[in-house]
Structure formats: structure tokens, C-alpha cells
Amino acid sequence: MQLSLSFRNPDRFCRNFTPIRRYHQTDPLHQQCLKLKDELNDRETTLPRIRQIEQLVNQLPDEERNFLRGGLVSRYANYDARTDAERVFSLCSPPGARMFYNMMSCDLRHGELQSALDRFGQMLELNVPPQNNCWGLFLNYFDQTGNLMQAYDMFSRGSGSKFPPHEILWRKLLGAFINSGDADGEILTYRKMKEIGFHLDVAHWTMFLRSLGEVGRISDMLSFLEEMRASTTPPNNITWGIIFSALKEAQRIDEMVNLFHQGKESADVLGWNVVVDTLSKSGRVDEALRIVDGMKGNHKPTTVTWTTILAGLGNAGRWDEMRALFEEKKKIFKSPSIWSPMIKSYGERGLIDEALSLFQEMRQVIPSDAQTWGNILTQLGHANRIDEMMAMFHSNKAEIIATYKSNAWNSVLSILEHANRFDEMMSVFQEMKVSKVALDVITYPIIIRGLSRSKRHEEMEEIITQAHQRFPKSGAIDAAIARGRFLRRSQ
């Protein structure tokens, strides 16, 4: 397994090298030390040259030799020349924290965990502070090898030592458990941090709670939420949004509503929208409406809010209320995503003229999008007003092309195919190509079905070839091809 264990400027061990003061700047020994230091700092220095430098270092007085050996250990470790690094390391008395770090890095890259742990124990025995990078080295190793509980055990044992891991490293350990989806490890780490006296910031609290919610540990999430609320770090708008979303997924709606009323002032409009959406989709539209009525100031209803509440009224069969609410608020609706569902609702109830009128009214306020064009053309087709649909399509083609999407085109193709108007269908299909409208996994099945039904088998096979080239792994296209060829055999 190839491990990526980070170094902190591994080649710059001598950055703070200070010449030995008893030598004058022009002293030959001083100049030799500077030259060797520069070579060891140079990333281009080769391994054979480093071995030559080692021989030169061995000839220096003790003070200079011991200092430059630290650089040799760093460079040998950087080259993964573990035997060479070990040889020089054994001659250092005492080794410094950087030497230990480099040797432990080399051990871990070679998979020698026990050797690295023994060196770490030796550091503590010699009262050499391991510093954050040494603790972090083992955390990275255990994280990459999928053994985070070993990191937890190591940190726990070290928490009572003379050189315990820093609070930042405990937060990194918690983050590693969160990223791995190990909820038990997260909880253990949090409780140990609390025992030591460390505190989570709002970002780590939020990640912790979100992770518990994502793995379905809702009761644990709610329990720790209460601890967060009792701490000096209260939930923020992101925290509340995550809590509401987790309860929505778990269908624990009563608890979500209860917590919403407790934390709604700290939640943002996204969190409010989650609650409105959940209540609307679960049939509790009146509760959703009461929440929307209370959305003021920083929590004013957004496009998502209104779309959600209108859909909730429609799904509950409360058409008159839906229509009245839309008429009351439509002057503030500046997004097609609100108008389009209403236009579709009118059409589905057979109120085609009202749908057309609403569509034209929308176009006076905001540009039409691809979905809205698709809706209105589909409603005309379903009402068997196909000629009117085609006239509308052709007279507004430039505007439809400007949406850069195929919704309206696919709607027209589908209506023409169902009406057995195959020549017109193929004419529109060719216009799509000329206009460079994207042909998608909805377009091709319609054309394949229409050509199969009209017994235009050669054209169908040509289209099948094009579809396969463009979408080689589309289930929808494969199913349309299978049906088309079956129909061909049965004709």
C-alpha cells in the first residue's frame, strides 16, 4: 500500500542554521559547513552525492558533525533510504525531534509501524517533545490504513503524558472519524475530548451532528444537540438546517416541528423551507401555511417556499386555495418555477384557455423557460389542439431555441408521435438538429417508437445507430430499441 505521509519542508532541515560563532566568516571550516548545508538543502542533490557528503561530515569536529547529521537523516528519509537514515540516526546523541520525525516517517512508509512506535516511545523517554507533527504523522497513517481506533487509543494514552496531543489534533481525529462514517468512533472521541476539557467549535459540532444524522443515529444526534445548546457554542443556521433535514429524512416530523419552534430564530430561510416542504408533502398543509405566514424579516418566503406551499395545496386537492394564493401573490413571483406548475395545473384540469392566458401573462413579467414552454405545449396537445400547438411552437421557435434545452421540442415530438403525425414529427426532429438543440435520452425513444409504428424501419435503424453512438449505456434508449424491433418483427 502506497502511503502519503506529509513532510513539513523535509528538504529544508538547515533553514535556521547559524554558523558556529567561534569561527570567523572567512574561516575554511565555516565555509565548508555552509557549503555542505546548502547541498543538503538542494532538492537536486542525488542520493550518491548525499552519501559522499556523509563521508565528509564524519571528518568534521563533533559540533558541526552532529548538526549536519540531522540534515543527512532528513535527506536519506526523504529518499526512502531507510538503512542509510538508520545508520546516521544511530550515531546522533541525542537525536532531535526532527530526526525522530523523519525516521518515523520513513518507518511508516515502509509499513514498519512497530518500529515507528518504538521510536516514539524513545522520544518520550528522552523528554524530546513530539510536537504536533509527530502525533499528526501517526494520525495520518492510521487514517490511511483504516485503523482510526488505534489512533484514538494512542491519543487517549498520550493525553495523560508530559507531551499530550494538542486540541487541534483531537479535532482532526474527530474529523477523520466523521469522514469515515464511524459514528461509534466519533462519539468516543467527542466524549474523550470533553473529559480532557477540550471544546468543539460550531463547525466541528455541525459536522459531528450531520454525520450522526446521515448514518441514521437520530437519537444520538438529538442528544448531542442538547449538549451543544447547553455549551458555550450554540447551534447556528447551518446546524439547524442539518438537524431539520435529518429529521425530515427519518420522517420524525413532530420532533422536527418541535425543534423548529425552539430554534427558528437562529435558523435561516433554508431551514424554514425544509420544514415547510416536509409539512406540505406529509399532508400537514395548514401547519406549513402558518409557518409561511410567520416568515418575515430575514426569513421572508423565497421562490422555493412559494413553490412548495402551492404544490402542497395542489397535492391536497385544495385547488381553489392554491389558485387564490397564487392570484394574491403573483405580482411578487419573478421565477418561472412558480408559474410553470400553476400553468400545468390549469391544463390538467382542462382549463386550457386559462392556462394559455396565465402563460401569456407570465411572459409579460419574466422570460419563459424550457419547462414552462414544455408544459403549455403539452397541455395543448393533450387537449387535442395540436394545430394550435404547432402554430404556437413555430411562431415562437426563436424564443424556444434560446432556452438551450429540449423540453419543448420533446413535448411536441411526443404529441405528434401519439397523434400518428409522423412526417411532422420527423420534420421537427430535423429542425432540432439544424438548430443544434441537444438530443437527449427522451428524444431518441420518441423517434424510435414513431418510426417503428409507422413501419419506417430503415430510418429507425439509422436513428438507433446514432442513439447508440451518443448514449451507449442508456437504459431508456435500449428499452425503446427492444420495443421497436419487437414491433417490427410482429408487423
Protein backbone atom coordinates (compact mmCIF):
# COMPACT_ATOMS: atom_id res chain seq x y z
CA MET A 1 0.00 0.00 0.00
CA GLN A 2 1.44 3.40 -1.00
CA LEU A 3 1.12 5.85 1.87
CA SER A 4 1.24 9.61 1.51
CA LEU A 5 2.75 10.83 4.78
CA SER A 6 3.31 14.54 4.70
CA PHE A 7 6.58 16.26 5.46
CA ARG A 8 6.85 19.84 6.62
CA ASN A 9 9.55 21.24 4.32
CA PRO A 10 11.56 17.99 4.52
CA ASP A 11 14.46 19.31 2.47
CA ARG A 12 14.91 22.49 4.50
CA PHE A 13 16.25 20.99 7.74
CA CYS A 14 19.01 23.62 7.92
CA ARG A 15 16.89 26.68 7.18
CA ASN A 16 17.81 28.24 10.55
CA PHE A 17 21.43 27.08 10.51
CA THR A 18 23.64 29.60 12.29
CA PRO A 19 27.40 29.40 11.71
CA ILE A 20 29.42 28.37 14.77
CA ARG A 21 30.23 31.67 16.37
CA ARG A 22 33.81 30.93 17.32
CA TYR A 23 34.69 30.89 13.61
CA HIS A 24 35.15 34.00 11.55
CA GLN A 25 33.02 34.28 8.40
CA THR A 26 36.08 33.58 6.26
CA ASP A 27 37.20 30.55 8.29
CA PRO A 28 37.63 27.50 5.98
CA LEU A 29 35.70 25.17 8.32
CA HIS A 30 32.84 27.65 8.50
CA GLN A 31 32.77 27.89 4.72
CA GLN A 32 32.82 24.10 4.37
CA CYS A 33 29.83 23.72 6.72
CA LEU A 34 27.85 26.30 4.78
CA LYS A 35 28.60 24.55 1.50
CA LEU A 36 27.56 21.14 2.84
CA LYS A 37 24.41 22.65 4.35
CA ASP A 38 23.48 24.21 1.01
CA GLU A 39 23.99 20.91 -0.79
CA LEU A 40 21.78 19.07 1.69
CA ASN A 41 19.12 21.73 1.26
CA ASP A 42 19.24 21.44 -2.53
CA ARG A 43 16.44 19.20 -3.85
CA GLU A 44 18.61 18.32 -6.84
CA THR A 45 21.30 16.71 -4.70
CA THR A 46 21.36 13.00 -5.60
CA LEU A 47 21.46 10.06 -3.21
CA PRO A 48 25.05 9.09 -4.21
CA ARG A 49 26.17 12.66 -3.53
CA ILE A 50 24.44 12.63 -0.12
CA ARG A 51 26.46 9.51 0.74
CA GLN A 52 29.62 11.39 -0.25
CA ILE A 53 28.56 14.29 1.97
CA GLU A 54 28.14 11.83 4.85
CA GLN A 55 31.78 10.83 4.49
CA LEU A 56 32.82 14.49 4.58
CA VAL A 57 30.62 15.16 7.63
CA ASN A 58 32.23 12.27 9.52
CA GLN A 59 35.54 14.11 9.28
CA LEU A 60 34.24 17.29 10.93
CA PRO A 61 34.50 18.25 14.62
CA ASP A 62 31.73 16.97 16.91
CA GLU A 63 29.58 20.12 17.00
CA GLU A 64 29.40 20.56 13.23
CA ARG A 65 29.13 16.83 12.62
CA ASN A 66 26.16 16.36 14.95
CA PHE A 67 24.31 19.28 13.41
CA LEU A 68 24.82 18.17 9.80
CA ARG A 69 23.87 14.59 10.64
CA GLY A 70 20.38 15.86 11.28
CA GLY A 71 20.30 17.01 7.68
CA LEU A 72 21.61 13.67 6.47
CA VAL A 73 18.82 11.82 8.29
CA SER A 74 16.26 14.16 6.71
CA ARG A 75 17.56 13.67 3.17
CA TYR A 76 18.02 9.91 3.48
CA ALA A 77 14.47 9.63 4.84
CA ASN A 78 13.27 11.82 2.01
CA TYR A 79 14.82 9.39 -0.47
CA ASP A 80 13.34 6.44 1.49
CA ALA A 81 16.91 5.20 2.04
CA ARG A 82 15.93 3.72 5.38
CA THR A 83 19.14 1.79 6.01
CA ASP A 84 21.28 4.88 5.42
CA ALA A 85 19.00 7.01 7.59
CA GLU A 86 19.12 4.41 10.37
CA ARG A 87 22.91 4.31 10.25
CA VAL A 88 23.27 8.08 10.69
CA PHE A 89 20.42 8.28 13.22
CA SER A 90 22.17 5.73 15.47
CA LEU A 91 25.24 7.98 15.62
CA CYS A 92 23.31 11.04 16.81
CA SER A 93 23.41 11.68 20.52
CA PRO A 94 20.82 12.74 21.38
CA PRO A 95 18.59 12.75 18.29
CA GLY A 96 16.36 15.80 17.96
CA ALA A 97 12.60 15.92 17.31
CA ARG A 98 13.12 16.49 13.58
CA MET A 99 15.33 13.39 13.31
CA PHE A 100 12.75 11.29 15.13
CA TYR A 101 10.03 12.65 12.87
CA ASN A 102 11.96 11.82 9.71
CA MET A 103 12.83 8.31 10.89
CA MET A 104 9.24 7.58 11.95
CA SER A 105 8.00 8.86 8.57
CA CYS A 106 10.41 6.50 6.83
CA ASP A 107 9.35 3.59 9.07
CA LEU A 108 5.68 4.14 8.33
CA ARG A 109 6.19 4.45 4.59
CA HIS A 110 7.88 1.04 4.77
CA GLY A 111 4.99 -0.38 6.81
CA GLU A 112 7.14 -0.71 9.95
CA LEU A 113 4.55 0.50 12.44
CA GLN A 114 6.11 -1.12 15.49
CA SER A 115 9.49 0.41 14.72
CA ALA A 116 7.87 3.86 14.45
CA LEU A 117 6.01 3.31 17.74
CA ASP A 118 9.24 2.24 19.45
CA ARG A 119 10.94 5.42 18.29
CA PHE A 120 8.00 7.45 19.54
CA GLY A 121 8.34 5.79 22.95
CA GLN A 122 12.07 6.55 22.88
CA MET A 123 11.28 10.23 22.23
CA LEU A 124 9.10 10.37 25.33
CA GLU A 125 11.75 8.59 27.44
CA LEU A 126 14.39 11.11 26.32
CA ASN A 127 11.98 14.00 27.03
CA VAL A 128 12.10 15.06 23.39
CA PRO A 129 8.79 16.89 22.72
CA PRO A 130 7.00 15.06 19.84
CA GLN A 131 5.16 18.25 18.82
CA ASN A 132 2.02 18.24 16.70
CA ASN A 133 3.63 16.94 13.52
CA CYS A 134 4.69 13.66 15.17
CA TRP A 135 1.24 13.00 16.60
CA GLY A 136 -0.22 14.01 13.24
CA LEU A 137 2.10 11.58 11.46
CA PHE A 138 0.53 8.62 13.26
CA LEU A 139 -2.98 10.03 12.82
CA ASN A 140 -2.43 10.26 9.05
CA TYR A 141 -1.04 6.73 8.95
CA PHE A 142 -3.91 5.17 10.90
CA ASP A 143 -6.42 7.15 8.85
CA GLN A 144 -4.95 5.96 5.55
CA THR A 145 -4.74 2.36 6.71
CA GLY A 146 -8.30 2.33 8.06
CA ASN A 147 -7.28 1.88 11.72
CA LEU A 148 -8.53 5.06 13.33
CA MET A 149 -9.32 3.29 16.60
CA GLN A 150 -5.56 2.74 17.01
CA ALA A 151 -5.10 6.48 16.64
CA TYR A 152 -7.79 7.01 19.26
CA ASP A 153 -6.07 4.57 21.64
CA MET A 154 -2.70 6.24 21.09
CA PHE A 155 -4.15 9.72 21.66
CA SER A 156 -6.01 8.54 24.76
CA ARG A 157 -2.85 7.07 26.29
CA GLY A 158 -0.91 10.19 25.39
CA SER A 159 -3.46 12.58 26.86
CA GLY A 160 -2.05 11.99 30.34
CA SER A 161 1.61 12.22 29.33
CA LYS A 162 4.05 15.10 29.61
CA PHE A 163 3.59 15.86 25.90
CA PRO A 164 -0.11 15.22 25.09
CA PRO A 165 -1.62 15.69 21.62
CA HIS A 166 -2.94 19.19 21.07
CA GLU A 167 -6.65 20.03 20.91
CA ILE A 168 -6.26 20.71 17.16
CA LEU A 169 -5.18 17.10 16.65
CA TRP A 170 -8.15 15.77 18.61
CA ARG A 171 -10.40 17.78 16.29
CA LYS A 172 -8.59 16.27 13.31
CA LEU A 173 -9.18 12.80 14.78
CA LEU A 174 -12.88 13.59 15.20
CA GLY A 175 -12.98 14.84 11.59
CA ALA A 176 -11.31 11.62 10.40
CA PHE A 177 -13.95 9.50 12.15
CA ILE A 178 -16.67 11.71 10.64
CA ASN A 179 -15.24 11.29 7.13
CA SER A 180 -15.04 7.51 7.59
CA GLY A 181 -18.68 7.29 8.76
CA ASP A 182 -17.69 5.62 12.06
CA ALA A 183 -20.31 7.01 14.43
CA ASP A 184 -19.05 5.00 17.41
CA GLY A 185 -15.56 6.38 16.92
CA GLU A 186 -16.96 9.91 16.66
CA ILE A 187 -18.86 9.56 19.92
CA LEU A 188 -15.86 8.06 21.76
CA THR A 189 -13.61 10.87 20.52
CA TYR A 190 -16.09 13.57 21.47
CA ARG A 191 -16.54 12.15 24.98
CA LYS A 192 -12.78 11.86 25.49
CA MET A 193 -12.30 15.46 24.34
CA LYS A 194 -14.98 16.57 26.76
CA GLU A 195 -13.29 14.61 29.57
CA ILE A 196 -9.95 16.29 28.81
CA GLY A 197 -11.61 19.70 28.76
CA PHE A 198 -11.48 20.41 25.03
CA HIS A 199 -14.38 22.12 23.32
CA LEU A 200 -15.77 21.86 19.80
CA ASP A 201 -16.24 24.94 17.68
CA VAL A 202 -19.50 25.37 15.80
CA ALA A 203 -18.05 23.89 12.59
CA HIS A 204 -16.98 20.63 14.30
CA TRP A 205 -20.25 20.42 16.23
CA THR A 206 -22.16 20.78 12.98
CA MET A 207 -20.06 18.15 11.16
CA PHE A 208 -20.48 15.80 14.13
CA LEU A 209 -24.27 16.15 14.23
CA ARG A 210 -24.61 15.91 10.45
CA SER A 211 -22.59 12.70 10.38
CA LEU A 212 -24.77 11.10 13.05
CA GLY A 213 -27.88 12.08 11.11
CA GLU A 214 -26.51 10.70 7.84
CA VAL A 215 -25.95 7.23 9.35
CA GLY A 216 -29.38 7.19 10.97
CA ARG A 217 -28.24 7.78 14.57
CA ILE A 218 -31.04 10.29 15.09
CA SER A 219 -31.44 9.78 18.84
CA ASP A 220 -27.71 10.28 19.36
CA MET A 221 -27.82 13.35 17.13
CA LEU A 222 -30.64 14.89 19.18
CA SER A 223 -28.92 14.05 22.45
CA PHE A 224 -25.70 15.75 21.39
CA LEU A 225 -27.67 18.68 20.00
CA GLU A 226 -28.93 19.30 23.53
CA GLU A 227 -25.33 19.18 24.79
CA MET A 228 -24.37 21.71 22.13
CA ARG A 229 -27.23 24.01 23.11
CA ALA A 230 -26.11 23.80 26.75
CA SER A 231 -22.50 24.61 25.83
CA THR A 232 -20.88 27.94 25.07
CA THR A 233 -21.25 27.18 21.33
CA PRO A 234 -24.94 27.40 20.34
CA PRO A 235 -26.22 25.98 17.03
CA ASN A 236 -26.06 28.32 14.07
CA ASN A 237 -28.22 28.48 10.96
CA ILE A 238 -26.27 25.68 9.25
CA THR A 239 -26.61 23.42 12.29
CA TRP A 240 -30.37 23.89 12.44
CA GLY A 241 -30.75 23.26 8.71
CA ILE A 242 -28.86 19.97 9.07
CA ILE A 243 -30.98 18.92 12.05
CA PHE A 244 -34.23 19.65 10.22
CA SER A 245 -33.04 17.79 7.11
CA ALA A 246 -32.02 14.72 9.13
CA LEU A 247 -35.39 14.60 10.90
CA LYS A 248 -37.14 15.03 7.54
CA GLU A 249 -35.27 12.03 6.12
CA ALA A 250 -36.10 9.98 9.21
CA GLN A 251 -39.78 11.04 8.98
CA ARG A 252 -39.66 12.25 12.59
CA ILE A 253 -41.83 15.20 11.72
CA ASP A 254 -43.27 16.02 15.16
CA GLU A 255 -39.77 16.27 16.62
CA MET A 256 -38.68 18.43 13.70
CA VAL A 257 -41.60 20.84 14.21
CA ASN A 258 -40.95 21.00 17.95
CA LEU A 259 -37.27 21.81 17.45
CA PHE A 260 -38.13 24.28 14.72
CA HIS A 261 -40.21 26.35 17.10
CA GLN A 262 -37.32 26.30 19.58
CA GLY A 263 -34.57 27.26 17.15
CA LYS A 264 -36.32 29.06 14.31
CA GLU A 265 -34.84 32.47 15.09
CA SER A 266 -31.32 31.06 14.67
CA ALA A 267 -32.25 29.11 11.54
CA ASP A 268 -32.03 30.71 8.11
CA VAL A 269 -34.66 30.65 5.38
CA LEU A 270 -33.23 27.38 4.02
CA GLY A 271 -34.04 25.69 7.33
CA TRP A 272 -37.55 27.18 7.33
CA ASN A 273 -38.04 25.88 3.79
CA VAL A 274 -37.07 22.36 4.86
CA VAL A 275 -39.82 22.41 7.48
CA VAL A 276 -42.40 23.92 5.10
CA ASP A 277 -41.54 21.32 2.46
CA THR A 278 -41.77 18.43 4.92
CA LEU A 279 -45.14 19.52 6.28
CA SER A 280 -46.54 20.20 2.79
CA LYS A 281 -45.52 16.80 1.46
CA SER A 282 -46.84 14.98 4.51
CA GLY A 283 -50.30 16.50 4.14
CA ARG A 284 -49.94 18.97 7.01
CA VAL A 285 -50.52 21.96 4.77
CA ASP A 286 -52.26 24.12 7.36
CA GLU A 287 -49.21 23.93 9.63
CA ALA A 288 -46.98 24.80 6.67
CA LEU A 289 -49.19 27.79 5.86
CA ARG A 290 -48.95 29.06 9.43
CA ILE A 291 -45.15 28.89 9.23
CA VAL A 292 -45.17 30.75 5.91
CA ASP A 293 -47.40 33.43 7.46
CA GLY A 294 -44.69 33.94 10.09
CA MET A 295 -41.84 34.32 7.61
CA LYS A 296 -40.75 37.94 7.94
CA GLY A 297 -37.56 39.97 8.14
CA ASN A 298 -34.57 37.72 7.47
CA HIS A 299 -36.93 34.80 6.90
CA LYS A 300 -39.03 36.15 4.04
CA PRO A 301 -40.50 33.44 1.79
CA THR A 302 -38.40 32.59 -1.25
CA THR A 303 -39.28 31.10 -4.61
CA VAL A 304 -38.73 27.65 -3.06
CA THR A 305 -41.14 28.48 -0.23
CA TRP A 306 -43.97 29.51 -2.54
CA THR A 307 -43.40 26.64 -4.97
CA THR A 308 -43.51 24.20 -2.07
CA ILE A 309 -46.66 25.57 -0.47
CA LEU A 310 -48.54 25.81 -3.77
CA ALA A 311 -47.60 22.23 -4.60
CA GLY A 312 -48.73 21.15 -1.12
CA LEU A 313 -52.14 22.75 -1.64
CA GLY A 314 -52.43 21.15 -5.07
CA ASN A 315 -51.46 17.69 -3.81
CA ALA A 316 -54.01 18.03 -1.02
CA GLY A 317 -56.76 18.72 -3.59
CA ARG A 318 -57.20 22.27 -2.36
CA TRP A 319 -57.26 23.76 -5.85
CA ASP A 320 -59.32 26.82 -5.02
CA GLU A 321 -56.98 27.83 -2.18
CA MET A 322 -53.97 27.17 -4.39
CA ARG A 323 -55.42 29.33 -7.13
CA ALA A 324 -56.41 32.12 -4.71
CA LEU A 325 -52.96 32.17 -3.10
CA PHE A 326 -51.26 32.34 -6.49
CA GLU A 327 -53.50 35.17 -7.67
CA GLU A 328 -52.85 37.07 -4.44
CA LYS A 329 -49.07 36.75 -4.63
CA LYS A 330 -48.29 36.51 -8.34
CA LYS A 331 -47.04 40.09 -8.58
CA ILE A 332 -44.03 39.14 -6.45
CA PHE A 333 -43.33 35.89 -8.33
CA LYS A 334 -40.33 36.51 -10.54
CA SER A 335 -39.38 32.92 -11.32
CA PRO A 336 -40.85 30.57 -13.95
CA SER A 337 -40.50 27.73 -11.42
CA ILE A 338 -43.61 29.11 -9.63
CA TRP A 339 -45.65 29.99 -12.71
CA SER A 340 -44.94 26.77 -14.59
CA PRO A 341 -46.60 24.38 -12.07
CA MET A 342 -49.66 26.64 -11.99
CA ILE A 343 -49.92 26.63 -15.79
CA LYS A 344 -49.61 22.85 -15.72
CA SER A 345 -52.31 22.60 -13.03
CA TYR A 346 -54.74 24.64 -15.11
CA GLY A 347 -54.08 22.43 -18.13
CA GLU A 348 -54.50 19.20 -16.17
CA ARG A 349 -57.93 20.38 -15.07
CA GLY A 350 -58.92 21.03 -18.67
CA LEU A 351 -58.72 24.80 -18.23
CA ILE A 352 -56.62 25.24 -21.36
CA ASP A 353 -57.68 28.79 -22.16
CA GLU A 354 -56.96 29.84 -18.57
CA ALA A 355 -53.56 28.12 -18.83
CA LEU A 356 -52.80 30.00 -22.05
CA SER A 357 -53.91 33.27 -20.51
CA LEU A 358 -51.69 32.71 -17.47
CA PHE A 359 -48.79 31.78 -19.72
CA GLN A 360 -49.13 34.99 -21.72
CA GLU A 361 -49.42 36.98 -18.51
CA MET A 362 -46.19 35.39 -17.26
CA ARG A 363 -44.36 36.32 -20.46
CA GLN A 364 -45.19 39.98 -19.77
CA VAL A 365 -43.37 39.73 -16.43
CA ILE A 366 -40.48 37.31 -16.88
CA PRO A 367 -38.90 35.28 -19.71
CA SER A 368 -40.33 31.82 -20.26
CA ASP A 369 -38.06 28.87 -19.53
CA ALA A 370 -37.83 25.49 -21.23
CA GLN A 371 -40.02 23.73 -18.67
CA THR A 372 -42.85 26.25 -19.00
CA TRP A 373 -42.80 26.00 -22.80
CA GLY A 374 -42.89 22.23 -22.48
CA ASN A 375 -45.86 22.42 -20.11
CA ILE A 376 -48.03 24.72 -22.21
CA LEU A 377 -47.35 22.86 -25.47
CA THR A 378 -48.07 19.53 -23.77
CA GLN A 379 -51.37 20.83 -22.38
CA LEU A 380 -52.46 21.98 -25.84
CA GLY A 381 -51.55 18.59 -27.29
CA HIS A 382 -53.40 16.67 -24.60
CA ALA A 383 -56.46 18.83 -25.27
CA ASN A 384 -56.22 17.70 -28.91
CA ARG A 385 -55.47 21.25 -30.02
CA ILE A 386 -52.48 20.07 -31.98
CA ASP A 387 -52.69 22.55 -34.84
CA GLU A 388 -52.80 25.37 -32.31
CA MET A 389 -49.82 23.77 -30.54
CA MET A 390 -47.83 23.64 -33.77
CA ALA A 391 -48.70 27.23 -34.68
CA MET A 392 -47.58 28.39 -31.24
CA PHE A 393 -44.39 26.32 -31.49
CA HIS A 394 -43.39 27.64 -34.92
CA SER A 395 -44.22 31.27 -34.19
CA ASN A 396 -42.09 31.23 -31.03
CA LYS A 397 -39.28 28.96 -32.20
CA ALA A 398 -36.54 31.55 -31.71
CA GLU A 399 -37.54 32.04 -28.09
CA ILE A 400 -37.74 28.29 -27.53
CA ILE A 401 -34.31 27.75 -29.08
CA ALA A 402 -32.92 30.45 -26.76
CA THR A 403 -33.74 28.29 -23.73
CA TYR A 404 -30.94 25.89 -24.87
CA LYS A 405 -32.98 22.89 -23.69
CA SER A 406 -35.06 20.22 -25.38
CA ASN A 407 -38.16 20.25 -23.11
CA ALA A 408 -40.50 21.99 -25.56
CA TRP A 409 -39.16 20.06 -28.55
CA ASN A 410 -39.65 16.72 -26.81
CA SER A 411 -43.18 17.73 -25.81
CA VAL A 412 -44.05 18.47 -29.45
CA LEU A 413 -42.39 15.25 -30.70
CA SER A 414 -44.29 13.16 -28.16
CA ILE A 415 -47.66 14.72 -29.04
CA LEU A 416 -47.07 14.27 -32.78
CA GLU A 417 -45.96 10.66 -32.30
CA HIS A 418 -49.08 9.81 -30.27
CA ALA A 419 -51.26 11.55 -32.89
CA ASN A 420 -49.66 9.48 -35.69
CA ARG A 421 -48.38 12.64 -37.37
CA PHE A 422 -45.08 11.00 -38.16
CA ASP A 423 -43.97 13.25 -41.04
CA GLU A 424 -44.36 16.33 -38.86
CA MET A 425 -42.55 14.52 -36.06
CA MET A 426 -39.55 13.87 -38.30
CA SER A 427 -39.63 17.43 -39.61
CA VAL A 428 -39.40 18.80 -36.06
CA PHE A 429 -36.65 16.28 -35.29
CA GLN A 430 -34.61 17.52 -38.25
CA GLU A 431 -35.18 21.12 -37.11
CA MET A 432 -33.73 20.17 -33.72
CA LYS A 433 -30.55 19.02 -35.44
CA VAL A 434 -30.30 22.11 -37.60
CA SER A 435 -30.93 24.39 -34.60
CA LYS A 436 -28.31 22.44 -32.60
CA VAL A 437 -30.74 21.64 -29.83
CA ALA A 438 -29.36 18.83 -27.66
CA LEU A 439 -30.89 15.44 -28.50
CA ASP A 440 -31.26 13.52 -25.26
CA VAL A 441 -32.44 10.20 -23.83
CA ILE A 442 -36.05 11.39 -24.11
CA THR A 443 -35.79 12.48 -27.76
CA TYR A 444 -34.43 9.25 -29.22
CA PRO A 445 -37.02 6.83 -27.73
CA ILE A 446 -39.85 9.01 -29.09
CA ILE A 447 -38.38 8.95 -32.61
CA ILE A 448 -37.59 5.22 -32.49
CA ARG A 449 -41.14 4.46 -31.34
CA GLY A 450 -42.69 6.67 -34.01
CA LEU A 451 -40.59 5.22 -36.85
CA SER A 452 -41.33 1.67 -35.68
CA ARG A 453 -45.08 2.31 -35.55
CA SER A 454 -45.01 3.93 -38.99
CA LYS A 455 -43.04 0.97 -40.40
CA ARG A 456 -40.11 3.17 -41.45
CA HIS A 457 -37.65 0.54 -40.38
CA GLU A 458 -34.58 1.66 -42.30
CA GLU A 459 -34.85 5.15 -40.83
CA MET A 460 -35.39 3.58 -37.41
CA GLU A 461 -32.12 1.60 -37.69
CA GLU A 462 -30.25 4.76 -38.68
CA ILE A 463 -31.61 6.56 -35.62
CA ILE A 464 -30.73 3.54 -33.44
CA THR A 465 -27.12 3.75 -34.66
CA GLN A 466 -26.99 7.47 -33.85
CA ALA A 467 -28.56 6.92 -30.44
CA HIS A 468 -26.08 4.17 -29.55
CA GLN A 469 -23.15 6.32 -30.58
CA ARG A 470 -24.35 9.21 -28.43
CA PHE A 471 -25.69 7.25 -25.44
CA PRO A 472 -24.05 3.78 -25.41
CA LYS A 473 -25.33 2.94 -21.91
CA SER A 474 -28.82 4.40 -21.72
CA GLY A 475 -31.49 2.06 -20.35
CA ALA A 476 -34.30 4.20 -21.76
CA ILE A 477 -32.85 4.02 -25.29
CA ASP A 478 -32.11 0.30 -25.02
CA ALA A 479 -35.71 -0.35 -23.94
CA ALA A 480 -37.06 1.75 -26.86
CA ILE A 481 -34.86 -0.17 -29.31
CA ALA A 482 -36.05 -3.51 -27.96
CA ARG A 483 -39.71 -2.47 -28.27
CA GLY A 484 -39.17 -1.01 -31.74
CA ARG A 485 -37.51 -4.13 -33.09
CA PHE A 486 -40.13 -6.37 -31.47
CA LEU A 487 -42.88 -4.35 -33.14
CA ARG A 488 -41.05 -4.61 -36.45
CA ARG A 489 -40.96 -8.41 -36.21
CA SER A 490 -44.65 -8.59 -35.34
CA GLN A 491 -45.80 -6.33 -38.21
